[in-house]
Amino acid sequence: MCDATWGEHWDEVDGQRMLFCCDICAAAFKNMISAVKKANSWSRVDSLHIAGNNGTGRKCTASGEGSDFKFYVKFYNDGSILDFHKL
């Protein structure tokens, strides 16, 4: 999430063990996945394309349950969501 090339924080996201640089990036990713699932009433996210950075926010496309969802997301420094809306 922060483009770091270091770190070794493992966390579980929807039953899948994933590697992150730190616990804050893991929290941001998990919060984003939860927000996407809630906004679409999806039980899972099949794929996620993330573009941008946290300074300007990220424009993303999620796919799940046969459809796509384009959205914008920006995080606070603790990984919680500052802004999340459909594009």
PDB file of N, CA and C in Angstrom:
ATOM      1  N   MET A   1       0.819  -1.195   0.000  1.00  0.00           N
ATOM      2  CA  MET A   1       0.000   0.000   0.000  1.00  0.00           C
ATOM      3  C   MET A   1       0.866   1.264   0.000  1.00  0.00           C
ATOM      4  N   CYS A   2       1.995   1.228   0.703  1.00  0.00           N
ATOM      5  CA  CYS A   2       2.839   2.426   0.772  1.00  0.00           C
ATOM      6  C   CYS A   2       4.039   2.332  -0.164  1.00  0.00           C
ATOM      7  N   ASP A   3       4.110   1.291  -0.978  1.00  0.00           N
ATOM      8  CA  ASP A   3       5.186   1.065  -1.948  1.00  0.00           C
ATOM      9  C   ASP A   3       6.534   0.783  -1.305  1.00  0.00           C
ATOM     10  N   ALA A   4       6.559   0.441  -0.033  1.00  0.00           N
ATOM     11  CA  ALA A   4       7.820   0.087   0.619  1.00  0.00           C
ATOM     12  C   ALA A   4       8.335  -1.228   0.038  1.00  0.00           C
ATOM     13  N   THR A   5       9.616  -1.362  -0.027  1.00  0.00           N
ATOM     14  CA  THR A   5      10.217  -2.601  -0.517  1.00  0.00           C
ATOM     15  C   THR A   5      10.793  -3.414   0.636  1.00  0.00           C
ATOM     16  N   TRP A   6      10.439  -3.061   1.839  1.00  0.00           N
ATOM     17  CA  TRP A   6      10.955  -3.718   3.033  1.00  0.00           C
ATOM     18  C   TRP A   6       9.773  -4.111   3.913  1.00  0.00           C
ATOM     19  N   GLY A   7      10.060  -4.806   4.952  1.00  0.00           N
ATOM     20  CA  GLY A   7       9.027  -5.182   5.919  1.00  0.00           C
ATOM     21  C   GLY A   7       8.585  -6.616   5.727  1.00  0.00           C
ATOM     22  N   GLU A   8       8.028  -7.158   6.782  1.00  0.00           N
ATOM     23  CA  GLU A   8       7.557  -8.528   6.710  1.00  0.00           C
ATOM     24  C   GLU A   8       6.414  -8.715   7.702  1.00  0.00           C
ATOM     25  N   HIS A   9       5.284  -8.150   7.350  1.00  0.00           N
ATOM     26  CA  HIS A   9       4.097  -8.274   8.195  1.00  0.00           C
ATOM     27  C   HIS A   9       3.090  -9.160   7.469  1.00  0.00           C
ATOM     28  N   TRP A  10       2.815 -10.308   8.036  1.00  0.00           N
ATOM     29  CA  TRP A  10       1.835 -11.222   7.466  1.00  0.00           C
ATOM     30  C   TRP A  10       0.488 -10.990   8.133  1.00  0.00           C
ATOM     31  N   ASP A  11      -0.572 -11.015   7.331  1.00  0.00           N
ATOM     32  CA  ASP A  11      -1.923 -10.859   7.867  1.00  0.00           C
ATOM     33  C   ASP A  11      -2.868 -11.675   6.999  1.00  0.00           C
ATOM     34  N   GLU A  12      -4.024 -11.986   7.541  1.00  0.00           N
ATOM     35  CA  GLU A  12      -5.010 -12.758   6.807  1.00  0.00           C
ATOM     36  C   GLU A  12      -6.115 -11.845   6.311  1.00  0.00           C
ATOM     37  N   VAL A  13      -6.432 -11.961   5.023  1.00  0.00           N
ATOM     38  CA  VAL A  13      -7.498 -11.181   4.398  1.00  0.00           C
ATOM     39  C   VAL A  13      -8.449 -12.164   3.742  1.00  0.00           C
ATOM     40  N   ASP A  14      -9.652 -12.241   4.247  1.00  0.00           N
ATOM     41  CA  ASP A  14     -10.673 -13.151   3.714  1.00  0.00           C
ATOM     42  C   ASP A  14     -10.155 -14.575   3.539  1.00  0.00           C
ATOM     43  N   GLY A  15      -9.447 -15.062   4.529  1.00  0.00           N
ATOM     44  CA  GLY A  15      -8.970 -16.427   4.514  1.00  0.00           C
ATOM     45  C   GLY A  15      -7.670 -16.649   3.755  1.00  0.00           C
ATOM     46  N   GLN A  16      -7.108 -15.592   3.185  1.00  0.00           N
ATOM     47  CA  GLN A  16      -5.848 -15.709   2.440  1.00  0.00           C
ATOM     48  C   GLN A  16      -4.735 -15.006   3.197  1.00  0.00           C
ATOM     49  N   ARG A  17      -3.639 -15.685   3.401  1.00  0.00           N
ATOM     50  CA  ARG A  17      -2.474 -15.111   4.077  1.00  0.00           C
ATOM     51  C   ARG A  17      -1.731 -14.233   3.081  1.00  0.00           C
ATOM     52  N   MET A  18      -1.511 -12.951   3.457  1.00  0.00           N
ATOM     53  CA  MET A  18      -0.888 -11.991   2.554  1.00  0.00           C
ATOM     54  C   MET A  18       0.257 -11.274   3.261  1.00  0.00           C
ATOM     55  N   LEU A  19       1.256 -10.883   2.478  1.00  0.00           N
ATOM     56  CA  LEU A  19       2.418 -10.175   2.994  1.00  0.00           C
ATOM     57  C   LEU A  19       2.271  -8.679   2.764  1.00  0.00           C
ATOM     58  N   PHE A  20       2.476  -7.908   3.820  1.00  0.00           N
ATOM     59  CA  PHE A  20       2.450  -6.449   3.774  1.00  0.00           C
ATOM     60  C   PHE A  20       3.752  -5.936   4.378  1.00  0.00           C
ATOM     61  N   CYS A  21       4.042  -4.656   4.156  1.00  0.00           N
ATOM     62  CA  CYS A  21       5.254  -4.083   4.742  1.00  0.00           C
ATOM     63  C   CYS A  21       5.069  -3.844   6.239  1.00  0.00           C
ATOM     64  N   CYS A  22       3.830  -3.521   6.655  1.00  0.00           N
ATOM     65  CA  CYS A  22       3.601  -3.182   8.060  1.00  0.00           C
ATOM     66  C   CYS A  22       2.135  -3.389   8.420  1.00  0.00           C
ATOM     67  N   ASP A  23       1.837  -3.262   9.700  1.00  0.00           N
ATOM     68  CA  ASP A  23       0.457  -3.455  10.163  1.00  0.00           C
ATOM     69  C   ASP A  23      -0.471  -2.341   9.686  1.00  0.00           C
ATOM     70  N   ILE A  24       0.044  -1.142   9.451  1.00  0.00           N
ATOM     71  CA  ILE A  24      -0.803  -0.036   8.973  1.00  0.00           C
ATOM     72  C   ILE A  24      -1.261  -0.291   7.539  1.00  0.00           C
ATOM     73  N   CYS A  25      -0.358  -0.754   6.685  1.00  0.00           N
ATOM     74  CA  CYS A  25      -0.743  -1.065   5.306  1.00  0.00           C
ATOM     75  C   CYS A  25      -1.710  -2.249   5.263  1.00  0.00           C
ATOM     76  N   ALA A  26      -1.508  -3.206   6.132  1.00  0.00           N
ATOM     77  CA  ALA A  26      -2.438  -4.334   6.210  1.00  0.00           C
ATOM     78  C   ALA A  26      -3.822  -3.841   6.626  1.00  0.00           C
ATOM     79  N   ALA A  27      -3.880  -2.960   7.616  1.00  0.00           N
ATOM     80  CA  ALA A  27      -5.161  -2.410   8.069  1.00  0.00           C
ATOM     81  C   ALA A  27      -5.838  -1.619   6.951  1.00  0.00           C
ATOM     82  N   ALA A  28      -5.076  -0.811   6.221  1.00  0.00           N
ATOM     83  CA  ALA A  28      -5.644  -0.024   5.119  1.00  0.00           C
ATOM     84  C   ALA A  28      -6.232  -0.943   4.062  1.00  0.00           C
ATOM     85  N   PHE A  29      -5.499  -1.976   3.679  1.00  0.00           N
ATOM     86  CA  PHE A  29      -5.975  -2.912   2.666  1.00  0.00           C
ATOM     87  C   PHE A  29      -7.236  -3.622   3.129  1.00  0.00           C
ATOM     88  N   LYS A  30      -7.229  -4.105   4.369  1.00  0.00           N
ATOM     89  CA  LYS A  30      -8.402  -4.794   4.898  1.00  0.00           C
ATOM     90  C   LYS A  30      -9.608  -3.867   4.998  1.00  0.00           C
ATOM     91  N   ASN A  31      -9.381  -2.612   5.397  1.00  0.00           N
ATOM     92  CA  ASN A  31     -10.477  -1.641   5.457  1.00  0.00           C
ATOM     93  C   ASN A  31     -11.040  -1.361   4.071  1.00  0.00           C
ATOM     94  N   MET A  32     -10.157  -1.275   3.067  1.00  0.00           N
ATOM     95  CA  MET A  32     -10.606  -1.040   1.698  1.00  0.00           C
ATOM     96  C   MET A  32     -11.430  -2.221   1.186  1.00  0.00           C
ATOM     97  N   ILE A  33     -10.969  -3.436   1.412  1.00  0.00           N
ATOM     98  CA  ILE A  33     -11.717  -4.623   0.984  1.00  0.00           C
ATOM     99  C   ILE A  33     -13.097  -4.642   1.653  1.00  0.00           C
ATOM    100  N   SER A  34     -13.152  -4.349   2.920  1.00  0.00           N
ATOM    101  CA  SER A  34     -14.437  -4.327   3.646  1.00  0.00           C
ATOM    102  C   SER A  34     -15.371  -3.270   3.081  1.00  0.00           C
ATOM    103  N   ALA A  35     -14.836  -2.093   2.769  1.00  0.00           N
ATOM    104  CA  ALA A  35     -15.657  -1.009   2.216  1.00  0.00           C
ATOM    105  C   ALA A  35     -16.218  -1.388   0.849  1.00  0.00           C
ATOM    106  N   VAL A  36     -15.415  -2.027   0.018  1.00  0.00           N
ATOM    107  CA  VAL A  36     -15.867  -2.456  -1.316  1.00  0.00           C
ATOM    108  C   VAL A  36     -16.963  -3.507  -1.185  1.00  0.00           C
ATOM    109  N   LYS A  37     -16.745  -4.488  -0.322  1.00  0.00           N
ATOM    110  CA  LYS A  37     -17.759  -5.529  -0.134  1.00  0.00           C
ATOM    111  C   LYS A  37     -19.063  -4.937   0.385  1.00  0.00           C
ATOM    112  N   LYS A  38     -18.979  -4.018   1.317  1.00  0.00           N
ATOM    113  CA  LYS A  38     -20.180  -3.396   1.876  1.00  0.00           C
ATOM    114  C   LYS A  38     -20.908  -2.554   0.828  1.00  0.00           C
ATOM    115  N   ALA A  39     -20.171  -1.776   0.043  1.00  0.00           N
ATOM    116  CA  ALA A  39     -20.783  -0.902  -0.966  1.00  0.00           C
ATOM    117  C   ALA A  39     -21.513  -1.682  -2.049  1.00  0.00           C
ATOM    118  N   ASN A  40     -21.096  -2.927  -2.280  1.00  0.00           N
ATOM    119  CA  ASN A  40     -21.674  -3.731  -3.359  1.00  0.00           C
ATOM    120  C   ASN A  40     -22.479  -4.928  -2.873  1.00  0.00           C
ATOM    121  N   SER A  41     -22.555  -5.116  -1.571  1.00  0.00           N
ATOM    122  CA  SER A  41     -23.192  -6.306  -0.992  1.00  0.00           C
ATOM    123  C   SER A  41     -22.555  -7.581  -1.531  1.00  0.00           C
ATOM    124  N   TRP A  42     -21.231  -7.538  -1.742  1.00  0.00           N
ATOM    125  CA  TRP A  42     -20.487  -8.703  -2.206  1.00  0.00           C
ATOM    126  C   TRP A  42     -20.028  -9.525  -1.013  1.00  0.00           C
ATOM    127  N   SER A  43     -19.914 -10.811  -1.216  1.00  0.00           N
ATOM    128  CA  SER A  43     -19.353 -11.676  -0.179  1.00  0.00           C
ATOM    129  C   SER A  43     -17.836 -11.774  -0.303  1.00  0.00           C
ATOM    130  N   ARG A  44     -17.307 -11.405  -1.487  1.00  0.00           N
ATOM    131  CA  ARG A  44     -15.865 -11.475  -1.713  1.00  0.00           C
ATOM    132  C   ARG A  44     -15.458 -10.490  -2.818  1.00  0.00           C
ATOM    133  N   VAL A  45     -14.174 -10.161  -2.846  1.00  0.00           N
ATOM    134  CA  VAL A  45     -13.575  -9.378  -3.923  1.00  0.00           C
ATOM    135  C   VAL A  45     -12.632 -10.328  -4.652  1.00  0.00           C
ATOM    136  N   ASP A  46     -12.834 -10.487  -5.963  1.00  0.00           N
ATOM    137  CA  ASP A  46     -12.026 -11.426  -6.740  1.00  0.00           C
ATOM    138  C   ASP A  46     -10.712 -10.817  -7.203  1.00  0.00           C
ATOM    139  N   SER A  47     -10.726  -9.546  -7.573  1.00  0.00           N
ATOM    140  CA  SER A  47      -9.493  -8.876  -7.991  1.00  0.00           C
ATOM    141  C   SER A  47      -9.592  -7.395  -7.665  1.00  0.00           C
ATOM    142  N   LEU A  48      -8.420  -6.764  -7.581  1.00  0.00           N
ATOM    143  CA  LEU A  48      -8.364  -5.362  -7.200  1.00  0.00           C
ATOM    144  C   LEU A  48      -7.185  -4.703  -7.900  1.00  0.00           C
ATOM    145  N   HIS A  49      -7.437  -3.618  -8.618  1.00  0.00           N
ATOM    146  CA  HIS A  49      -6.375  -2.839  -9.259  1.00  0.00           C
ATOM    147  C   HIS A  49      -6.321  -1.502  -8.533  1.00  0.00           C
ATOM    148  N   ILE A  50      -5.145  -1.148  -8.025  1.00  0.00           N
ATOM    149  CA  ILE A  50      -4.952   0.067  -7.241  1.00  0.00           C
ATOM    150  C   ILE A  50      -3.973   0.973  -7.970  1.00  0.00           C
ATOM    151  N   ALA A  51      -4.368   2.226  -8.225  1.00  0.00           N
ATOM    152  CA  ALA A  51      -3.482   3.202  -8.867  1.00  0.00           C
ATOM    153  C   ALA A  51      -3.449   4.471  -8.027  1.00  0.00           C
ATOM    154  N   GLY A  52      -2.272   5.066  -7.899  1.00  0.00           N
ATOM    155  CA  GLY A  52      -2.135   6.306  -7.147  1.00  0.00           C
ATOM    156  C   GLY A  52      -1.407   6.091  -5.842  1.00  0.00           C
ATOM    157  N   ASN A  53      -1.445   7.126  -4.994  1.00  0.00           N
ATOM    158  CA  ASN A  53      -0.782   7.054  -3.697  1.00  0.00           C
ATOM    159  C   ASN A  53      -1.672   7.708  -2.657  1.00  0.00           C
ATOM    160  N   ASN A  54      -1.257   7.663  -1.407  1.00  0.00           N
ATOM    161  CA  ASN A  54      -2.134   8.200  -0.370  1.00  0.00           C
ATOM    162  C   ASN A  54      -2.094   9.727  -0.305  1.00  0.00           C
ATOM    163  N   GLY A  55      -1.105  10.347  -0.936  1.00  0.00           N
ATOM    164  CA  GLY A  55      -1.081  11.806  -0.969  1.00  0.00           C
ATOM    165  C   GLY A  55      -2.220  12.375  -1.799  1.00  0.00           C
ATOM    166  N   THR A  56      -2.443  11.771  -2.962  1.00  0.00           N
ATOM    167  CA  THR A  56      -3.503  12.232  -3.854  1.00  0.00           C
ATOM    168  C   THR A  56      -4.730  11.328  -3.808  1.00  0.00           C
ATOM    169  N   GLY A  57      -4.626  10.224  -3.120  1.00  0.00           N
ATOM    170  CA  GLY A  57      -5.708   9.243  -3.092  1.00  0.00           C
ATOM    171  C   GLY A  57      -5.499   8.216  -4.184  1.00  0.00           C
ATOM    172  N   ARG A  58      -6.266   7.174  -4.128  1.00  0.00           N
ATOM    173  CA  ARG A  58      -6.120   6.079  -5.084  1.00  0.00           C
ATOM    174  C   ARG A  58      -7.408   5.875  -5.868  1.00  0.00           C
ATOM    175  N   LYS A  59      -7.249   5.678  -7.169  1.00  0.00           N
ATOM    176  CA  LYS A  59      -8.363   5.298  -8.028  1.00  0.00           C
ATOM    177  C   LYS A  59      -8.231   3.810  -8.272  1.00  0.00           C
ATOM    178  N   CYS A  60      -9.287   3.086  -7.953  1.00  0.00           N
ATOM    179  CA  CYS A  60      -9.212   1.626  -7.956  1.00  0.00           C
ATOM    180  C   CYS A  60     -10.372   1.015  -8.724  1.00  0.00           C
ATOM    181  N   THR A  61     -10.160  -0.227  -9.148  1.00  0.00           N
ATOM    182  CA  THR A  61     -11.224  -1.025  -9.745  1.00  0.00           C
ATOM    183  C   THR A  61     -11.216  -2.385  -9.068  1.00  0.00           C
ATOM    184  N   ALA A  62     -12.351  -2.739  -8.515  1.00  0.00           N
ATOM    185  CA  ALA A  62     -12.526  -4.050  -7.889  1.00  0.00           C
ATOM    186  C   ALA A  62     -13.466  -4.870  -8.748  1.00  0.00           C
ATOM    187  N   SER A  63     -13.237  -6.172  -8.776  1.00  0.00           N
ATOM    188  CA  SER A  63     -14.124  -7.097  -9.465  1.00  0.00           C
ATOM    189  C   SER A  63     -14.602  -8.133  -8.465  1.00  0.00           C
ATOM    190  N   GLY A  64     -15.868  -8.460  -8.580  1.00  0.00           N
ATOM    191  CA  GLY A  64     -16.434  -9.467  -7.700  1.00  0.00           C
ATOM    192  C   GLY A  64     -17.833  -9.843  -8.132  1.00  0.00           C
ATOM    193  N   GLU A  65     -18.144 -11.099  -8.011  1.00  0.00           N
ATOM    194  CA  GLU A  65     -19.479 -11.615  -8.284  1.00  0.00           C
ATOM    195  C   GLU A  65     -20.007 -11.164  -9.648  1.00  0.00           C
ATOM    196  N   GLY A  66     -19.109 -11.152 -10.644  1.00  0.00           N
ATOM    197  CA  GLY A  66     -19.513 -10.879 -12.018  1.00  0.00           C
ATOM    198  C   GLY A  66     -19.620  -9.423 -12.413  1.00  0.00           C
ATOM    199  N   SER A  67     -19.193  -8.504 -11.563  1.00  0.00           N
ATOM    200  CA  SER A  67     -19.259  -7.090 -11.929  1.00  0.00           C
ATOM    201  C   SER A  67     -18.014  -6.351 -11.449  1.00  0.00           C
ATOM    202  N   ASP A  68     -17.857  -5.141 -11.972  1.00  0.00           N
ATOM    203  CA  ASP A  68     -16.740  -4.275 -11.605  1.00  0.00           C
ATOM    204  C   ASP A  68     -17.253  -3.067 -10.835  1.00  0.00           C
ATOM    205  N   PHE A  69     -16.387  -2.512  -9.988  1.00  0.00           N
ATOM    206  CA  PHE A  69     -16.717  -1.343  -9.183  1.00  0.00           C
ATOM    207  C   PHE A  69     -15.510  -0.424  -9.173  1.00  0.00           C
ATOM    208  N   LYS A  70     -15.670   0.794  -9.723  1.00  0.00           N
ATOM    209  CA  LYS A  70     -14.597   1.785  -9.724  1.00  0.00           C
ATOM    210  C   LYS A  70     -14.824   2.729  -8.551  1.00  0.00           C
ATOM    211  N   PHE A  71     -13.731   3.015  -7.815  1.00  0.00           N
ATOM    212  CA  PHE A  71     -13.874   3.843  -6.636  1.00  0.00           C
ATOM    213  C   PHE A  71     -12.598   4.609  -6.337  1.00  0.00           C
ATOM    214  N   TYR A  72     -12.750   5.593  -5.477  1.00  0.00           N
ATOM    215  CA  TYR A  72     -11.644   6.405  -4.974  1.00  0.00           C
ATOM    216  C   TYR A  72     -11.527   6.131  -3.487  1.00  0.00           C
ATOM    217  N   VAL A  73     -10.286   6.036  -2.999  1.00  0.00           N
ATOM    218  CA  VAL A  73     -10.073   5.829  -1.565  1.00  0.00           C
ATOM    219  C   VAL A  73      -8.837   6.594  -1.112  1.00  0.00           C
ATOM    220  N   LYS A  74      -8.931   7.135   0.094  1.00  0.00           N
ATOM    221  CA  LYS A  74      -7.796   7.803   0.733  1.00  0.00           C
ATOM    222  C   LYS A  74      -7.838   7.435   2.207  1.00  0.00           C
ATOM    223  N   PHE A  75      -6.653   7.260   2.805  1.00  0.00           N
ATOM    224  CA  PHE A  75      -6.555   6.761   4.163  1.00  0.00           C
ATOM    225  C   PHE A  75      -5.953   7.783   5.119  1.00  0.00           C
ATOM    226  N   TYR A  76      -6.339   7.678   6.378  1.00  0.00           N
ATOM    227  CA  TYR A  76      -5.630   8.359   7.459  1.00  0.00           C
ATOM    228  C   TYR A  76      -4.316   7.615   7.695  1.00  0.00           C
ATOM    229  N   ASN A  77      -3.438   8.201   8.478  1.00  0.00           N
ATOM    230  CA  ASN A  77      -2.130   7.595   8.759  1.00  0.00           C
ATOM    231  C   ASN A  77      -2.208   6.271   9.513  1.00  0.00           C
ATOM    232  N   ASP A  78      -3.335   5.980  10.149  1.00  0.00           N
ATOM    233  CA  ASP A  78      -3.482   4.722  10.884  1.00  0.00           C
ATOM    234  C   ASP A  78      -4.114   3.604  10.045  1.00  0.00           C
ATOM    235  N   GLY A  79      -4.402   3.879   8.765  1.00  0.00           N
ATOM    236  CA  GLY A  79      -4.996   2.880   7.886  1.00  0.00           C
ATOM    237  C   GLY A  79      -6.499   2.931   7.820  1.00  0.00           C
ATOM    238  N   SER A  80      -7.130   3.764   8.636  1.00  0.00           N
ATOM    239  CA  SER A  80      -8.590   3.912   8.535  1.00  0.00           C
ATOM    240  C   SER A  80      -8.917   4.779   7.318  1.00  0.00           C
ATOM    241  N   ILE A  81     -10.132   4.685   6.826  1.00  0.00           N
ATOM    242  CA  ILE A  81     -10.518   5.356   5.590  1.00  0.00           C
ATOM    243  C   ILE A  81     -10.932   6.807   5.855  1.00  0.00           C
ATOM    244  N   LEU A  82     -10.284   7.716   5.136  1.00  0.00           N
ATOM    245  CA  LEU A  82     -10.600   9.146   5.175  1.00  0.00           C
ATOM    246  C   LEU A  82     -11.709   9.466   4.180  1.00  0.00           C
ATOM    247  N   ASP A  83     -11.613   8.921   2.971  1.00  0.00           N
ATOM    248  CA  ASP A  83     -12.588   9.183   1.905  1.00  0.00           C
ATOM    249  C   ASP A  83     -12.749   7.917   1.070  1.00  0.00           C
ATOM    250  N   PHE A  84     -13.979   7.579   0.765  1.00  0.00           N
ATOM    251  CA  PHE A  84     -14.291   6.419  -0.074  1.00  0.00           C
ATOM    252  C   PHE A  84     -15.551   6.756  -0.841  1.00  0.00           C
ATOM    253  N   HIS A  85     -15.454   6.769  -2.168  1.00  0.00           N
ATOM    254  CA  HIS A  85     -16.659   6.985  -2.964  1.00  0.00           C
ATOM    255  C   HIS A  85     -16.538   6.354  -4.348  1.00  0.00           C
ATOM    256  N   LYS A  86     -17.697   6.071  -4.903  1.00  0.00           N
ATOM    257  CA  LYS A  86     -17.791   5.469  -6.231  1.00  0.00           C
ATOM    258  C   LYS A  86     -17.364   6.467  -7.288  1.00  0.00           C
ATOM    259  N   LEU A  87     -16.683   5.993  -8.305  1.00  0.00           N
ATOM    260  CA  LEU A  87     -16.302   6.832  -9.447  1.00  0.00           C
ATOM    261  C   LEU A  87     -17.221   6.557 -10.612  1.00  0.00           C
TER     262      LEU A  87
END
